[in-house]
Amino acid sequence: MATHLVIGDPHCTPKASNDRFLWAGRVAADYKVSHVICMGDFCSMDSLSSYDRAKKSFEGRRYQKDMEHSHEALSLFNKGLGKHKPRKIMLHGNHEDRIDRFVDENPELDGTLKISDLKFRQYGWQEIPYKQIKVVAGLILQNDKLLICQRPNFKDHPLKWEFPGGKIKNDETNEETGIHIFLFSQ
């Protein structure tokens, strides 16, 4: 049976300790999870933030510091895993996408700054580019019971059990898709 550790928006930043990544790796190893999925924004990429650029509070942020801190976090996670080897999947979030957006706005930096600088692959992660996923799924755990659904017998994989989820319609947000999926799954 597959077990998953889902990590949501860890926002690795030089402003915070990376100890939590060591602990997260230990949790994955202790529970012997088969998959680790980071839902995006592993790296905060504060140095490329457009929100407070050119303000006094921005001073001191450096791309190299962001990279070094992210690499340390990835290394600590692997250290926490020890000999346990789950499949690791890294969804790029809008914070990782800051690199591409920054280069797009500063084309003279093309080839100098790139998402591969994060080295996710070198640390054993399968990467999913930003906005490539068009499916919403989730877990509902209530009173020690987990909501699962049985597929209809007229669809692919008839009568198999699965977590609630579905494709995002063109005119929907992720949140709207999640709401209609979970309302009709219960």
C-alpha atoms as a PDB file:
ATOM      1  CA  MET A   1       0.000   0.000   0.000  1.00  0.00           C
ATOM      2  CA  ALA A   2       1.292   3.447  -0.895  1.00  0.00           C
ATOM      3  CA  THR A   3       1.697   6.004   1.860  1.00  0.00           C
ATOM      4  CA  HIS A   4       2.398   9.657   1.256  1.00  0.00           C
ATOM      5  CA  LEU A   5       3.952  12.527   3.135  1.00  0.00           C
ATOM      6  CA  VAL A   6       2.626  15.758   1.621  1.00  0.00           C
ATOM      7  CA  ILE A   7       4.570  18.911   2.402  1.00  0.00           C
ATOM      8  CA  GLY A   8       2.739  22.156   1.733  1.00  0.00           C
ATOM      9  CA  ASP A   9       4.572  25.442   1.115  1.00  0.00           C
ATOM     10  CA  PRO A  10       7.676  25.000   3.295  1.00  0.00           C
ATOM     11  CA  HIS A  11       9.097  28.383   2.162  1.00  0.00           C
ATOM     12  CA  CYS A  12      12.751  27.656   2.877  1.00  0.00           C
ATOM     13  CA  THR A  13      14.304  31.055   3.624  1.00  0.00           C
ATOM     14  CA  PRO A  14      17.623  32.220   5.097  1.00  0.00           C
ATOM     15  CA  LYS A  15      15.501  33.984   7.750  1.00  0.00           C
ATOM     16  CA  ALA A  16      14.463  30.629   9.288  1.00  0.00           C
ATOM     17  CA  SER A  17      16.170  27.508  10.572  1.00  0.00           C
ATOM     18  CA  ASN A  18      16.324  24.483   8.294  1.00  0.00           C
ATOM     19  CA  ASP A  19      16.020  22.005  11.191  1.00  0.00           C
ATOM     20  CA  ARG A  20      12.405  21.281  10.208  1.00  0.00           C
ATOM     21  CA  PHE A  21      13.616  19.630   6.992  1.00  0.00           C
ATOM     22  CA  LEU A  22      15.714  17.148   8.965  1.00  0.00           C
ATOM     23  CA  TRP A  23      12.666  16.366  11.122  1.00  0.00           C
ATOM     24  CA  ALA A  24      10.427  16.003   8.061  1.00  0.00           C
ATOM     25  CA  GLY A  25      12.895  13.519   6.572  1.00  0.00           C
ATOM     26  CA  ARG A  26      12.879  11.563   9.828  1.00  0.00           C
ATOM     27  CA  VAL A  27       9.066  11.470   9.820  1.00  0.00           C
ATOM     28  CA  ALA A  28       9.103  10.099   6.251  1.00  0.00           C
ATOM     29  CA  ALA A  29      11.622   7.446   7.284  1.00  0.00           C
ATOM     30  CA  ASP A  30       9.860   6.542  10.559  1.00  0.00           C
ATOM     31  CA  TYR A  31       6.522   6.074   8.803  1.00  0.00           C
ATOM     32  CA  LYS A  32       8.217   4.376   5.824  1.00  0.00           C
ATOM     33  CA  VAL A  33       6.260   6.490   3.349  1.00  0.00           C
ATOM     34  CA  SER A  34       6.422   5.398  -0.271  1.00  0.00           C
ATOM     35  CA  HIS A  35       6.072   8.948  -1.666  1.00  0.00           C
ATOM     36  CA  VAL A  36       7.010  12.436  -0.528  1.00  0.00           C
ATOM     37  CA  ILE A  37       5.220  15.222  -2.382  1.00  0.00           C
ATOM     38  CA  CYS A  38       6.132  18.877  -1.937  1.00  0.00           C
ATOM     39  CA  MET A  39       3.156  20.921  -3.109  1.00  0.00           C
ATOM     40  CA  GLY A  40       5.275  23.886  -4.238  1.00  0.00           C
ATOM     41  CA  ASP A  41       7.109  26.871  -2.803  1.00  0.00           C
ATOM     42  CA  PHE A  42       9.878  24.759  -1.289  1.00  0.00           C
ATOM     43  CA  CYS A  43      12.128  27.802  -1.664  1.00  0.00           C
ATOM     44  CA  SER A  44      10.838  31.222  -0.723  1.00  0.00           C
ATOM     45  CA  MET A  45      13.266  32.958  -3.117  1.00  0.00           C
ATOM     46  CA  ASP A  46      13.119  36.186  -1.088  1.00  0.00           C
ATOM     47  CA  SER A  47      15.898  37.722  -3.197  1.00  0.00           C
ATOM     48  CA  LEU A  48      13.596  37.759  -6.234  1.00  0.00           C
ATOM     49  CA  SER A  49      10.438  38.996  -4.525  1.00  0.00           C
ATOM     50  CA  SER A  50       8.734  41.785  -6.420  1.00  0.00           C
ATOM     51  CA  TYR A  51       6.513  42.603  -3.432  1.00  0.00           C
ATOM     52  CA  ASP A  52       9.014  44.677  -1.445  1.00  0.00           C
ATOM     53  CA  ARG A  53      11.843  45.245  -3.917  1.00  0.00           C
ATOM     54  CA  ALA A  54      13.440  48.711  -3.594  1.00  0.00           C
ATOM     55  CA  LYS A  55      12.349  49.012   0.039  1.00  0.00           C
ATOM     56  CA  LYS A  56      14.704  49.180   3.000  1.00  0.00           C
ATOM     57  CA  SER A  57      13.419  45.836   4.292  1.00  0.00           C
ATOM     58  CA  PHE A  58      14.670  44.181   1.096  1.00  0.00           C
ATOM     59  CA  GLU A  59      18.364  44.983   1.699  1.00  0.00           C
ATOM     60  CA  GLY A  60      20.618  42.019   2.325  1.00  0.00           C
ATOM     61  CA  ARG A  61      18.672  39.475   0.309  1.00  0.00           C
ATOM     62  CA  ARG A  62      20.870  37.605  -2.122  1.00  0.00           C
ATOM     63  CA  TYR A  63      20.148  34.941  -4.714  1.00  0.00           C
ATOM     64  CA  GLN A  64      23.227  32.963  -3.648  1.00  0.00           C
ATOM     65  CA  LYS A  65      22.036  32.926  -0.022  1.00  0.00           C
ATOM     66  CA  ASP A  66      18.642  31.613  -1.166  1.00  0.00           C
ATOM     67  CA  MET A  67      20.355  28.842  -3.154  1.00  0.00           C
ATOM     68  CA  GLU A  68      22.730  27.839  -0.362  1.00  0.00           C
ATOM     69  CA  HIS A  69      19.929  27.712   2.192  1.00  0.00           C
ATOM     70  CA  SER A  70      17.723  25.660  -0.142  1.00  0.00           C
ATOM     71  CA  HIS A  71      20.536  23.193  -0.828  1.00  0.00           C
ATOM     72  CA  GLU A  72      21.123  22.839   2.925  1.00  0.00           C
ATOM     73  CA  ALA A  73      17.390  22.139   3.437  1.00  0.00           C
ATOM     74  CA  LEU A  74      17.371  19.483   0.682  1.00  0.00           C
ATOM     75  CA  SER A  75      20.487  17.885   2.160  1.00  0.00           C
ATOM     76  CA  LEU A  76      18.992  17.845   5.667  1.00  0.00           C
ATOM     77  CA  PHE A  77      15.798  16.244   4.372  1.00  0.00           C
ATOM     78  CA  ASN A  78      17.846  13.467   2.736  1.00  0.00           C
ATOM     79  CA  LYS A  79      19.890  13.077   5.927  1.00  0.00           C
ATOM     80  CA  GLY A  80      16.652  12.635   7.877  1.00  0.00           C
ATOM     81  CA  LEU A  81      15.571   9.927   5.432  1.00  0.00           C
ATOM     82  CA  GLY A  82      18.708   7.941   6.194  1.00  0.00           C
ATOM     83  CA  LYS A  83      18.605   4.744   4.134  1.00  0.00           C
ATOM     84  CA  HIS A  84      14.878   5.080   3.376  1.00  0.00           C
ATOM     85  CA  LYS A  85      14.305   5.851  -0.319  1.00  0.00           C
ATOM     86  CA  PRO A  86      10.764   7.062  -1.078  1.00  0.00           C
ATOM     87  CA  ARG A  87       9.820   8.522  -4.422  1.00  0.00           C
ATOM     88  CA  LYS A  88      10.154  12.304  -4.051  1.00  0.00           C
ATOM     89  CA  ILE A  89       8.053  14.642  -6.186  1.00  0.00           C
ATOM     90  CA  MET A  90       8.634  18.407  -6.196  1.00  0.00           C
ATOM     91  CA  LEU A  91       5.918  20.595  -7.664  1.00  0.00           C
ATOM     92  CA  HIS A  92       7.307  23.997  -8.551  1.00  0.00           C
ATOM     93  CA  GLY A  93       5.273  26.769  -6.996  1.00  0.00           C
ATOM     94  CA  ASN A  94       4.982  30.449  -7.735  1.00  0.00           C
ATOM     95  CA  HIS A  95       8.051  31.108  -5.546  1.00  0.00           C
ATOM     96  CA  GLU A  96      10.279  28.845  -7.664  1.00  0.00           C
ATOM     97  CA  ASP A  97       8.696  30.504 -10.694  1.00  0.00           C
ATOM     98  CA  ARG A  98      10.094  33.818  -9.440  1.00  0.00           C
ATOM     99  CA  ILE A  99      13.357  32.770 -11.098  1.00  0.00           C
ATOM    100  CA  ASP A 100      11.788  32.497 -14.570  1.00  0.00           C
ATOM    101  CA  ARG A 101       9.747  35.670 -14.073  1.00  0.00           C
ATOM    102  CA  PHE A 102      12.822  37.613 -12.941  1.00  0.00           C
ATOM    103  CA  VAL A 103      14.811  36.473 -15.991  1.00  0.00           C
ATOM    104  CA  ASP A 104      11.850  37.300 -18.231  1.00  0.00           C
ATOM    105  CA  GLU A 105      11.834  40.840 -16.799  1.00  0.00           C
ATOM    106  CA  ASN A 106      15.664  41.052 -16.996  1.00  0.00           C
ATOM    107  CA  PRO A 107      16.589  39.229 -20.233  1.00  0.00           C
ATOM    108  CA  GLU A 108      20.279  40.114 -19.844  1.00  0.00           C
ATOM    109  CA  LEU A 109      20.323  37.451 -17.079  1.00  0.00           C
ATOM    110  CA  ASP A 110      19.152  34.657 -19.389  1.00  0.00           C
ATOM    111  CA  GLY A 111      21.343  31.617 -18.737  1.00  0.00           C
ATOM    112  CA  THR A 112      22.655  33.084 -15.487  1.00  0.00           C
ATOM    113  CA  LEU A 113      19.696  32.400 -13.190  1.00  0.00           C
ATOM    114  CA  LYS A 114      17.631  29.252 -13.723  1.00  0.00           C
ATOM    115  CA  ILE A 115      15.359  26.915 -11.809  1.00  0.00           C
ATOM    116  CA  SER A 116      17.919  24.119 -12.174  1.00  0.00           C
ATOM    117  CA  ASP A 117      20.126  26.149  -9.778  1.00  0.00           C
ATOM    118  CA  LEU A 118      17.877  24.753  -7.039  1.00  0.00           C
ATOM    119  CA  LYS A 119      19.318  21.283  -7.812  1.00  0.00           C
ATOM    120  CA  PHE A 120      16.149  19.387  -6.960  1.00  0.00           C
ATOM    121  CA  ARG A 121      17.120  16.533  -9.311  1.00  0.00           C
ATOM    122  CA  GLN A 122      20.572  16.203  -7.756  1.00  0.00           C
ATOM    123  CA  TYR A 123      18.850  15.669  -4.399  1.00  0.00           C
ATOM    124  CA  GLY A 124      16.640  12.941  -5.886  1.00  0.00           C
ATOM    125  CA  TRP A 125      13.404  14.818  -6.603  1.00  0.00           C
ATOM    126  CA  GLN A 126      11.242  14.397  -9.691  1.00  0.00           C
ATOM    127  CA  GLU A 127      10.236  17.913 -10.765  1.00  0.00           C
ATOM    128  CA  ILE A 128       6.836  19.064 -11.996  1.00  0.00           C
ATOM    129  CA  PRO A 129       7.012  22.542 -13.614  1.00  0.00           C
ATOM    130  CA  TYR A 130       4.841  25.363 -12.335  1.00  0.00           C
ATOM    131  CA  LYS A 131       1.208  25.250 -13.510  1.00  0.00           C
ATOM    132  CA  GLN A 132       1.653  21.905 -15.286  1.00  0.00           C
ATOM    133  CA  ILE A 133      -0.677  20.040 -12.907  1.00  0.00           C
ATOM    134  CA  LYS A 134      -4.364  20.449 -13.709  1.00  0.00           C
ATOM    135  CA  VAL A 135      -5.834  18.048 -11.144  1.00  0.00           C
ATOM    136  CA  VAL A 136      -7.068  18.650  -7.621  1.00  0.00           C
ATOM    137  CA  ALA A 137      -7.141  15.900  -5.006  1.00  0.00           C
ATOM    138  CA  GLY A 138      -7.131  15.805  -1.264  1.00  0.00           C
ATOM    139  CA  LEU A 139      -7.543  13.818   1.890  1.00  0.00           C
ATOM    140  CA  ILE A 140     -10.306  14.220   4.402  1.00  0.00           C
ATOM    141  CA  LEU A 141      -9.543  12.630   7.757  1.00  0.00           C
ATOM    142  CA  GLN A 142     -12.233  12.952  10.397  1.00  0.00           C
ATOM    143  CA  ASN A 143     -12.646  10.969  13.626  1.00  0.00           C
ATOM    144  CA  ASP A 144      -9.860   8.614  12.544  1.00  0.00           C
ATOM    145  CA  LYS A 145     -11.727   7.855   9.303  1.00  0.00           C
ATOM    146  CA  LEU A 146     -10.340   8.632   5.858  1.00  0.00           C
ATOM    147  CA  LEU A 147     -12.710   9.544   3.017  1.00  0.00           C
ATOM    148  CA  ILE A 148     -12.170   7.444  -0.103  1.00  0.00           C
ATOM    149  CA  CYS A 149     -14.411   6.949  -3.111  1.00  0.00           C
ATOM    150  CA  GLN A 150     -15.159   3.982  -5.341  1.00  0.00           C
ATOM    151  CA  ARG A 151     -14.950   4.556  -9.083  1.00  0.00           C
ATOM    152  CA  PRO A 152     -18.113   3.845 -11.100  1.00  0.00           C
ATOM    153  CA  ASN A 153     -18.154   0.500 -12.897  1.00  0.00           C
ATOM    154  CA  PHE A 154     -18.511   2.220 -16.303  1.00  0.00           C
ATOM    155  CA  LYS A 155     -15.263   4.288 -16.048  1.00  0.00           C
ATOM    156  CA  ASP A 156     -11.590   3.366 -16.397  1.00  0.00           C
ATOM    157  CA  HIS A 157     -10.406   1.221 -13.480  1.00  0.00           C
ATOM    158  CA  PRO A 158     -13.968   0.250 -12.533  1.00  0.00           C
ATOM    159  CA  LEU A 159     -14.782  -0.182  -8.850  1.00  0.00           C
ATOM    160  CA  LYS A 160     -11.244   0.720  -7.739  1.00  0.00           C
ATOM    161  CA  TRP A 161     -10.901   2.840  -4.594  1.00  0.00           C
ATOM    162  CA  GLU A 162      -9.359   6.304  -4.765  1.00  0.00           C
ATOM    163  CA  PHE A 163      -9.097   9.601  -2.951  1.00  0.00           C
ATOM    164  CA  PRO A 164     -11.520  12.315  -4.060  1.00  0.00           C
ATOM    165  CA  GLY A 165     -10.138  14.355  -6.914  1.00  0.00           C
ATOM    166  CA  GLY A 166     -10.703  15.509 -10.429  1.00  0.00           C
ATOM    167  CA  LYS A 167      -9.660  17.606 -13.360  1.00  0.00           C
ATOM    168  CA  ILE A 168      -9.861  21.358 -13.178  1.00  0.00           C
ATOM    169  CA  LYS A 169     -12.325  22.840 -15.631  1.00  0.00           C
ATOM    170  CA  ASN A 170     -11.039  25.751 -17.718  1.00  0.00           C
ATOM    171  CA  ASP A 171     -13.212  28.306 -15.947  1.00  0.00           C
ATOM    172  CA  GLU A 172     -12.506  27.080 -12.398  1.00  0.00           C
ATOM    173  CA  THR A 173      -9.911  27.906  -9.783  1.00  0.00           C
ATOM    174  CA  ASN A 174      -8.238  25.101  -7.819  1.00  0.00           C
ATOM    175  CA  GLU A 175     -10.363  26.074  -4.827  1.00  0.00           C
ATOM    176  CA  GLU A 176     -13.632  25.893  -6.797  1.00  0.00           C
ATOM    177  CA  THR A 177     -12.671  22.471  -8.148  1.00  0.00           C
ATOM    178  CA  GLY A 178     -11.819  21.258  -4.655  1.00  0.00           C
ATOM    179  CA  ILE A 179     -15.139  22.462  -3.292  1.00  0.00           C
ATOM    180  CA  HIS A 180     -17.268  20.750  -5.915  1.00  0.00           C
ATOM    181  CA  ILE A 181     -15.218  17.539  -5.718  1.00  0.00           C
ATOM    182  CA  PHE A 182     -15.453  17.302  -1.946  1.00  0.00           C
ATOM    183  CA  LEU A 183     -19.112  18.302  -1.766  1.00  0.00           C
ATOM    184  CA  PHE A 184     -20.093  15.561  -4.179  1.00  0.00           C
ATOM    185  CA  SER A 185     -17.721  12.925  -2.714  1.00  0.00           C
ATOM    186  CA  GLN A 186     -19.277  12.757   0.745  1.00  0.00           C
END
